[in-house]
Protein backbone atom coordinates (compact mmCIF):
# COMPACT_ATOMS: atom_id res chain seq x y z
CA MET A 1 20.00 14.87 -19.90
CA ASN A 2 18.53 15.17 -16.43
CA ARG A 3 15.40 13.14 -15.83
CA ILE A 4 12.51 14.91 -14.10
CA ALA A 5 9.63 12.96 -12.59
CA VAL A 6 6.44 14.67 -11.46
CA LEU A 7 4.71 12.52 -8.85
CA ILE A 8 0.97 12.90 -8.34
CA PRO A 9 -0.63 10.69 -5.67
CA CYS A 10 -4.37 10.47 -6.25
CA TYR A 11 -7.53 9.28 -4.57
CA ASN A 12 -10.81 10.24 -6.26
CA GLU A 13 -9.54 13.34 -8.07
CA ALA A 14 -11.41 12.85 -11.37
CA ILE A 15 -12.64 16.46 -11.37
CA THR A 16 -9.14 17.96 -11.33
CA ILE A 17 -6.49 15.41 -12.33
CA GLY A 18 -6.73 16.11 -16.07
CA GLN A 19 -6.18 19.83 -15.55
CA VAL A 20 -3.19 19.22 -13.27
CA ILE A 21 -1.50 16.93 -15.81
CA ASP A 22 -2.10 19.38 -18.66
CA LYS A 23 -0.71 22.30 -16.65
CA VAL A 24 2.39 20.32 -15.66
CA LYS A 25 3.06 19.24 -19.25
CA ASN A 26 2.67 22.84 -20.41
CA VAL A 27 5.27 24.31 -18.03
CA LEU A 28 7.56 21.27 -17.88
CA PRO A 29 7.25 19.39 -21.20
CA GLU A 30 10.48 17.45 -20.64
CA ALA A 31 9.17 15.86 -17.42
CA GLN A 32 7.55 12.47 -17.11
CA VAL A 33 4.27 12.66 -15.21
CA TYR A 34 3.38 9.74 -12.94
CA VAL A 35 -0.04 9.26 -11.36
CA PHE A 36 -0.35 6.60 -8.70
CA ASP A 37 -4.01 5.82 -8.10
CA ASN A 38 -4.96 4.86 -4.55
CA ASN A 39 -8.17 2.82 -5.01
CA SER A 40 -10.15 5.61 -6.69
CA THR A 41 -13.74 4.81 -7.64
CA ASP A 42 -14.46 7.84 -9.85
CA GLY A 43 -12.32 7.09 -12.91
CA THR A 44 -9.26 9.07 -11.84
CA ALA A 45 -6.83 6.54 -13.35
CA GLU A 46 -8.61 6.46 -16.71
CA ILE A 47 -8.64 10.26 -16.99
CA ALA A 48 -4.95 10.41 -16.09
CA LEU A 49 -4.16 7.95 -18.89
CA GLU A 50 -6.17 10.01 -21.38
CA HIS A 51 -4.09 13.08 -20.50
CA GLY A 52 -0.79 11.30 -21.10
CA ALA A 53 0.37 10.35 -17.62
CA ILE A 54 2.00 7.06 -16.69
CA VAL A 55 -0.46 5.43 -14.32
CA ASP A 56 0.29 2.89 -11.61
CA HIS A 57 -1.73 1.66 -8.66
CA GLU A 58 -1.14 1.44 -4.93
CA TYR A 59 -3.77 -0.69 -3.21
CA ARG A 60 -2.75 0.03 0.39
CA GLN A 61 -4.84 3.03 1.37
CA GLY A 62 -2.97 6.15 2.44
CA LYS A 63 -0.78 8.85 0.94
CA GLY A 64 2.29 7.53 2.74
CA HIS A 65 1.89 4.14 1.07
CA VAL A 66 1.54 5.82 -2.31
CA MET A 67 4.64 7.96 -1.93
CA ARG A 68 6.64 4.99 -0.66
CA SER A 69 5.80 3.08 -3.84
CA MET A 70 6.61 6.09 -6.01
CA PHE A 71 10.00 6.65 -4.40
CA LYS A 72 10.81 2.95 -4.75
CA LYS A 73 9.69 2.40 -8.34
CA ILE A 74 10.56 5.66 -10.11
CA ASP A 75 14.11 6.55 -11.09
CA ALA A 76 14.93 10.20 -11.83
CA ASP A 77 17.37 13.01 -11.06
CA CYS A 78 14.70 15.40 -9.79
CA TYR A 79 11.36 14.50 -8.25
CA VAL A 80 8.47 16.95 -8.01
CA MET A 81 5.68 16.02 -5.63
CA ILE A 82 2.33 17.73 -6.17
CA ASP A 83 -1.27 16.93 -5.25
CA GLY A 84 -3.87 16.11 -7.87
CA ASP A 85 -6.50 18.54 -6.54
CA ASP A 86 -5.43 21.54 -8.67
CA THR A 87 -4.77 23.75 -5.65
CA TYR A 88 -1.08 24.47 -6.36
CA CYS A 89 0.30 26.87 -8.96
CA VAL A 90 2.61 24.97 -11.33
CA GLU A 91 4.31 28.09 -12.71
CA GLN A 92 7.13 27.78 -10.16
CA MET A 93 7.82 24.14 -11.08
CA PRO A 94 10.63 24.83 -13.62
CA GLN A 95 12.38 27.10 -11.12
CA MET A 96 12.05 24.47 -8.38
CA CYS A 97 13.60 21.85 -10.66
CA ASP A 98 16.42 24.20 -11.61
CA MET A 99 17.18 24.76 -7.92
CA VAL A 100 17.53 21.00 -7.45
CA LEU A 101 19.40 20.17 -10.65
CA GLY A 102 21.45 23.32 -11.09
CA LYS A 103 22.14 24.46 -7.53
CA GLY A 104 22.35 21.17 -5.67
CA ILE A 105 19.44 21.82 -3.33
CA ASP A 106 17.99 18.63 -1.84
CA MET A 107 14.48 19.89 -1.15
CA VAL A 108 12.64 22.93 -2.45
CA VAL A 109 9.49 23.57 -0.42
CA GLY A 110 6.63 25.21 -2.30
CA CYS A 111 5.22 27.47 0.42
CA ARG A 112 1.58 28.48 0.05
CA SER A 113 1.98 32.20 0.74
CA ASN A 114 -1.77 32.91 0.57
CA TYR A 115 -3.02 29.69 2.21
CA VAL A 116 -4.54 31.33 5.29
CA SER A 117 -6.54 33.85 3.27
CA VAL A 118 -7.79 31.30 0.71
CA ASN A 119 -8.41 28.25 2.87
CA ARG A 120 -11.92 28.26 4.35
CA ARG A 121 -11.20 25.77 7.16
CA PRO A 122 -9.99 27.67 10.25
CA MET A 123 -9.08 24.47 12.10
CA HIS A 124 -6.66 23.58 9.29
CA ASN A 125 -5.05 27.00 9.52
CA SER A 126 -4.61 26.69 13.29
CA GLY A 127 -3.23 23.18 12.95
CA ASN A 128 -0.73 24.25 10.29
CA ARG A 129 0.50 27.11 12.48
CA LEU A 130 0.93 24.74 15.44
CA VAL A 131 2.89 22.20 13.38
CA LYS A 132 5.08 24.94 11.89
CA PHE A 133 5.81 26.38 15.34
CA LEU A 134 6.68 23.00 16.88
CA ILE A 135 8.99 21.82 14.10
CA ASN A 136 10.77 25.14 13.65
CA LYS A 137 11.36 25.42 17.40
CA LEU A 138 12.35 21.81 18.01
CA PHE A 139 14.64 21.55 14.99
CA ASN A 140 15.92 25.14 14.90
CA SER A 141 14.61 25.92 11.42
CA ASP A 142 12.53 28.57 9.70
CA ILE A 143 10.38 26.80 7.10
CA PRO A 144 7.26 28.87 6.33
CA ASP A 145 5.00 25.96 5.29
CA ILE A 146 5.56 22.52 6.80
CA MET A 147 2.40 20.82 5.56
CA THR A 148 2.61 21.72 1.88
CA GLY A 149 2.40 18.81 -0.56
CA TYR A 150 4.31 20.71 -3.26
CA ARG A 151 8.05 19.96 -3.22
CA ALA A 152 10.97 19.31 -5.53
CA MET A 153 13.54 16.82 -4.28
CA SER A 154 16.90 15.46 -5.30
CA ARG A 155 17.62 11.83 -6.10
CA ASP A 156 19.94 11.81 -3.09
CA PHE A 157 17.07 12.67 -0.75
CA VAL A 158 14.42 10.41 -2.29
CA LYS A 159 16.57 7.29 -2.40
CA THR A 160 17.80 7.61 1.20
CA PHE A 161 14.55 8.72 2.83
CA PRO A 162 13.18 5.84 4.98
CA LEU A 163 9.51 6.76 4.71
CA LEU A 164 7.56 5.25 7.61
CA SER A 165 4.26 7.14 7.63
CA ASN A 166 1.16 5.69 5.99
CA GLY A 167 -1.03 8.76 5.69
CA PHE A 168 -0.92 12.54 5.53
CA GLU A 169 1.91 12.69 8.07
CA ILE A 170 4.37 12.23 5.21
CA GLU A 171 5.08 15.95 4.75
CA THR A 172 5.94 16.29 8.44
CA GLU A 173 8.16 13.22 8.41
CA MET A 174 9.85 14.38 5.21
CA THR A 175 10.64 17.80 6.65
CA ILE A 176 12.00 16.51 9.95
CA TYR A 177 14.18 13.90 8.22
CA ALA A 178 15.65 16.52 5.90
CA LEU A 179 16.35 18.92 8.77
CA ASP A 180 17.86 16.33 11.07
CA ASN A 181 20.16 14.90 8.40
CA ASN A 182 21.44 18.27 7.17
CA TYR A 183 19.94 18.18 3.69
CA LEU A 184 19.99 21.52 1.92
CA ILE A 185 16.46 22.99 2.05
CA LYS A 186 15.14 26.14 0.40
CA SER A 187 11.66 27.63 0.24
CA ILE A 188 9.88 29.31 -2.65
CA ASP A 189 6.56 31.16 -2.48
CA THR A 190 3.73 29.86 -4.59
CA ASP A 191 0.08 30.75 -4.96
CA TYR A 192 -2.63 28.49 -3.63
CA GLN A 193 -6.26 28.16 -4.67
CA ASP A 194 -9.03 26.32 -2.91
CA ARG A 195 -10.52 23.17 -4.40
CA PRO A 196 -13.04 23.69 -7.21
CA GLN A 197 -16.72 23.05 -6.69
CA GLY A 198 -17.48 19.36 -6.28
CA SER A 199 -13.93 18.42 -5.21
CA THR A 200 -13.63 17.33 -1.58
CA SER A 201 -10.61 17.08 0.70
CA LYS A 202 -9.65 13.69 2.09
CA LEU A 203 -7.87 15.26 5.06
CA ASN A 204 -9.64 14.82 8.40
CA THR A 205 -8.77 17.86 10.51
CA LEU A 206 -8.84 16.23 13.94
CA GLY A 207 -7.92 12.65 13.07
CA ASP A 208 -5.06 13.44 10.72
CA GLY A 209 -3.99 16.39 12.86
CA PHE A 210 -3.57 14.06 15.83
CA LYS A 211 -1.50 11.68 13.69
CA VAL A 212 0.74 14.56 12.60
CA LEU A 213 1.34 15.65 16.21
CA LYS A 214 2.05 12.05 17.19
CA THR A 215 4.54 11.82 14.32
CA ILE A 216 6.30 14.99 15.49
CA LEU A 217 6.64 13.57 19.01
CA LYS A 218 7.86 10.20 17.73
CA LEU A 219 10.43 11.73 15.40
CA PHE A 220 11.54 14.23 18.05
CA ILE A 221 12.26 11.36 20.47
CA ASN A 222 13.99 9.40 17.71
CA ASN A 223 16.09 12.27 16.34
CA LYS A 224 16.78 14.24 19.53
CA PRO A 225 16.66 11.62 22.29
CA LEU A 226 19.08 13.33 24.66
CA MET A 227 17.04 16.54 24.66
CA PHE A 228 13.79 14.64 25.26
CA PHE A 229 15.10 12.41 28.05
CA THR A 230 17.00 15.27 29.68
CA ALA A 231 13.70 17.15 29.89
CA LEU A 232 12.07 14.08 31.46
CA ALA A 233 14.98 13.77 33.88
CA ALA A 234 14.68 17.44 34.89
CA ILE A 235 10.95 17.13 35.54
CA THR A 236 11.44 13.91 37.52
CA LEU A 237 14.27 15.43 39.56
CA LEU A 238 12.20 18.53 40.30
CA VAL A 239 9.30 16.40 41.57
CA ALA A 240 11.74 14.44 43.74
CA ILE A 241 13.23 17.60 45.26
CA VAL A 242 9.78 19.02 46.02
CA ALA A 243 8.80 15.75 47.70
CA LEU A 244 12.04 15.45 49.72
CA ILE A 245 12.30 19.03 51.04
CA PRO A 246 9.76 18.53 53.89
CA VAL A 247 11.23 15.10 54.69
CA PHE A 248 14.74 16.49 55.19
CA GLY A 249 13.30 19.54 56.98
CA GLU A 250 11.70 17.31 59.61
CA TYR A 251 14.84 15.20 59.86
CA PHE A 252 17.07 18.19 60.63
CA GLU A 253 14.55 19.45 63.20
CA THR A 254 13.73 16.19 64.98
CA GLY A 255 16.31 13.67 63.84
CA LEU A 256 13.45 11.42 62.70
CA VAL A 257 12.05 10.41 59.31
CA PRO A 258 8.30 9.98 59.86
CA ARG A 259 7.56 10.18 56.13
CA PHE A 260 9.55 7.13 55.08
CA PRO A 261 7.34 6.27 52.05
CA THR A 262 7.87 9.81 50.72
CA LEU A 263 11.62 9.43 51.24
CA PHE A 264 11.58 6.13 49.37
CA VAL A 265 9.57 7.54 46.42
CA GLY A 266 11.78 10.64 46.26
CA CYS A 267 14.97 8.54 46.11
CA MET A 268 13.46 6.33 43.42
CA LEU A 269 12.61 9.42 41.39
CA ILE A 270 16.20 10.66 41.65
CA ILE A 271 17.46 7.28 40.43
CA LEU A 272 14.89 7.38 37.62
CA SER A 273 16.09 10.81 36.52
CA PHE A 274 19.64 9.47 36.17
CA LEU A 275 18.31 6.50 34.21
CA PHE A 276 16.56 8.91 31.83
CA ILE A 277 19.89 10.66 31.21
CA ALA A 278 21.57 7.30 30.57
CA VAL A 279 18.86 6.26 28.10
CA GLY A 280 19.15 9.61 26.33
CA LEU A 281 22.92 9.23 25.96
CA ILE A 282 22.64 5.67 24.62
CA LEU A 283 20.00 6.66 22.09
CA LYS A 284 22.00 9.72 21.08
CA PHE A 285 25.00 7.56 20.18
CA MET A 286 22.72 5.14 18.31
CA ASN A 287 21.20 8.08 16.41
CA LEU A 288 24.69 9.33 15.57
CA ARG A 289 25.54 5.92 14.15
CA HIS A 290 22.36 6.01 12.07
CA LYS A 291 23.31 9.40 10.65
CA GLN A 292 26.73 8.06 9.71
CA LEU A 293 25.05 5.22 7.80
CA VAL A 294 22.76 7.70 6.05
CA GLN A 295 25.78 9.73 5.00
CA LEU A 296 27.46 6.61 3.62
CA MET A 297 24.32 5.85 1.59
CA ARG A 298 24.30 9.41 0.28
CA ASN A 299 27.92 9.08 -0.76
CA ALA A 300 27.09 5.88 -2.66
CA ILE A 301 24.25 7.46 -4.67
CA LYS A 302 25.43 9.18 -7.84
C-alpha cells in the first residue's frame, strides 16, 4: 500500500492547526499527518497532538529549516505539503495524491485560483505576479502560482531535492529545481480563503520578497550560467564599442590616439566580455555534470 505523508510546518498556528488536521484526516484518512513545530509559543504542538498528528520539532527558525527536516526524516511514497493556517481547500488533496501515485507526476502544484480577489494585501499580489513572470520567462514554463505552499510531491523529487533555503523562499527554490531538472509538473486549481480573525501571517512582504528575488537570481545564475554570463558579456561588449568608436574615429582622421586611457579601458572591457563567455561555458558544463548526478540519484530511488 502506498504511504502518504501530509507535512504541515507550523509556527504559532494554534487558532487553525486543529481544523487543518481534522479536515485532512476527513478527506485523506489513510494519510499520516505530520506537524513540525518551529518554536511556537501558543500551544500549537499540544493542539496538533490532541488532533492525532505526529508532532516533531525544528528549533532552527524558518520554514526552509522545517521542510528540510521533514524531507530528511519522513519516508513515504507521496508527500503533501500544506500550511497550517487553514487558508487552503483540502478537497483536492486526494486528487493531487492520485496524480502523484497513479500518474507518475513528480509535483502537483495547488494553484490558488481566487488568491488575488481574496487576499487583502496588494503588495503580496504584486510580488506574486512579479515572481510568476520572472520564473515562467526565465525557465520557459507556465505555472499559474509559484508561491503556493500547497503541493503534492513524489518520493523521487523529495529525496533528491537539495533544499538550501532557510525561509519562505522554499517554494521558489522548489519550483526552479523541478523545472530545471525536468521533473513532471502539473497544476490543479484550488480555492483559497484568507486567514481567520486573530490569525496573523508570518510573511514579511518586503523582507521576504527581497529574499525570494535574490533566490531567483542565485538559482538563475546556478542553473542557467551561460545565459547569464552571455548577457553580461553582451552588455560589457556594447559598452566597450560605444567607448571605442570615438577613439578609432579620431585615429582614422588624424592618425593619433589622444584618448589612450579610453582605448585601454575599452580593450579591457572586450577581454572581460570574452572572460564572461568562458566562465559561462565552464559553469554550464559543471551544471550539466550536476544534472547527470541528479539523474543517477533518481534512478537509484525506488
